[in-house]
Structure formats: C-alpha cells, structure tokens
Amino acid sequence: MSSRTPSPPLARSERLARSPVVRRGGQWWLVTGSGSILATDPAFTGELDRFADVMTAADQAVADLRSRQDDPPSPRPGRQR
C-alpha cells in the first residue's frame, strides 16, 4: 500500500516557512508537484513540530515589535521643560 496521495489543498493547510512541508489535520506532508507523501517518522515529525513552534514564536515577536513601533512614544520622566 502506497502513502502517496494527491496533494492536499494548500488553502486549508499550514505550510512551514517556505518549505515543501505542510501540516494538515495534525499530520505532516511532504508536498511536490506530482503529489504528497505523509511523513510518519516520529523523530522527523517531532523536529517539524519544534521548528513550527519556533517559527510561531518568532512571528509573534515580530508582530509585537511592529505593534510597539506603531504606538506613540511614552514621555521620559525627568526630561520635561
């Protein structure tokens, strides 16, 4: 039995960075132009999970920095004239 299936629709998937790896329904898929292969190795999928968590944290940190840049600066104590 083959684990090759047609590519899952990417609109409902979570692509990992700009890689050919997609998480769909809690499972990782390696996606190519000719189809998809389910990733089943626990060590590999564990690394993908960890990398996805790190990317999510980095994206949140960037979003936090951008929101702080949009906020007006607060006055500094002791520098009023």
Protein backbone atom coordinates (compact mmCIF):
# COMPACT_ATOMS: atom_id res chain seq x y z
CA MET A 1 0.00 0.00 0.00
CA SER A 2 1.45 3.38 -1.01
CA SER A 3 1.39 6.51 1.14
CA ARG A 4 1.38 8.71 -1.98
CA THR A 5 -1.82 10.69 -2.38
CA PRO A 6 -2.88 13.68 -4.44
CA SER A 7 -1.66 16.97 -2.99
CA PRO A 8 -3.91 18.30 -0.25
CA PRO A 9 -5.40 21.75 -0.93
CA LEU A 10 -2.90 24.27 0.44
CA ALA A 11 -5.55 26.87 1.30
CA ARG A 12 -6.62 24.72 4.28
CA SER A 13 -3.11 23.68 5.17
CA GLU A 14 -0.33 25.18 7.21
CA ARG A 15 2.88 25.47 5.16
CA LEU A 16 6.07 25.50 7.20
CA ALA A 17 8.01 28.63 6.24
CA ARG A 18 8.80 28.41 2.52
CA SER A 19 9.41 24.68 2.60
CA PRO A 20 7.67 21.84 0.77
CA VAL A 21 6.29 20.69 4.14
CA VAL A 22 2.64 21.18 5.08
CA ARG A 23 0.75 20.32 8.27
CA ARG A 24 -2.81 19.29 7.64
CA GLY A 25 -5.11 17.78 10.22
CA GLY A 26 -2.21 17.39 12.65
CA GLN A 27 -0.14 15.38 10.15
CA TRP A 28 2.93 16.50 8.23
CA TRP A 29 3.03 16.05 4.45
CA LEU A 30 5.94 16.45 2.06
CA VAL A 31 4.46 18.16 -1.00
CA THR A 32 5.80 18.05 -4.55
CA GLY A 33 4.33 18.97 -7.89
CA SER A 34 3.42 15.35 -8.52
CA GLY A 35 1.79 14.57 -5.17
CA SER A 36 2.23 14.36 -1.42
CA ILE A 37 3.85 11.87 0.93
CA LEU A 38 2.75 11.52 4.54
CA ALA A 39 5.66 11.98 6.97
CA THR A 40 5.45 9.22 9.56
CA ASP A 41 8.91 9.13 11.18
CA PRO A 42 8.41 10.32 14.79
CA ALA A 43 11.88 11.89 15.03
CA PHE A 44 11.35 13.85 11.81
CA THR A 45 7.81 14.96 12.61
CA GLY A 46 8.93 15.92 16.13
CA GLU A 47 11.58 18.18 14.63
CA LEU A 48 8.97 19.68 12.30
CA ASP A 49 6.71 20.34 15.31
CA ARG A 50 9.58 22.02 17.20
CA PHE A 51 10.53 24.12 14.18
CA ALA A 52 6.90 25.16 13.66
CA ASP A 53 6.70 26.23 17.33
CA VAL A 54 9.90 28.28 16.97
CA MET A 55 8.60 29.92 13.79
CA THR A 56 5.30 30.77 15.52
CA ALA A 57 7.18 32.36 18.43
CA ALA A 58 9.38 34.34 16.02
CA ASP A 59 6.35 35.55 14.06
CA GLN A 60 4.71 36.66 17.32
CA ALA A 61 7.86 38.50 18.42
CA VAL A 62 7.98 40.37 15.09
CA ALA A 63 4.28 41.24 15.38
CA ASP A 64 4.88 42.55 18.93
CA LEU A 65 7.80 44.70 17.74
CA ARG A 66 5.72 46.12 14.90
CA SER A 67 2.83 46.97 17.21
CA ARG A 68 5.25 48.75 19.56
CA GLN A 69 6.57 50.79 16.64
CA ASP A 70 3.01 51.87 15.84
CA ASP A 71 2.37 53.05 19.44
CA PRO A 72 3.20 56.69 20.24
CA PRO A 73 6.35 57.03 22.37
CA SER A 74 5.75 57.44 26.07
CA PRO A 75 7.20 60.56 27.73
CA ARG A 76 10.50 60.08 29.55
CA PRO A 77 10.50 61.04 33.21
CA GLY A 78 12.77 63.96 34.15
CA ARG A 79 13.09 65.33 30.61
CA GLN A 80 10.21 67.80 30.67
CA ARG A 81 10.87 71.51 30.07
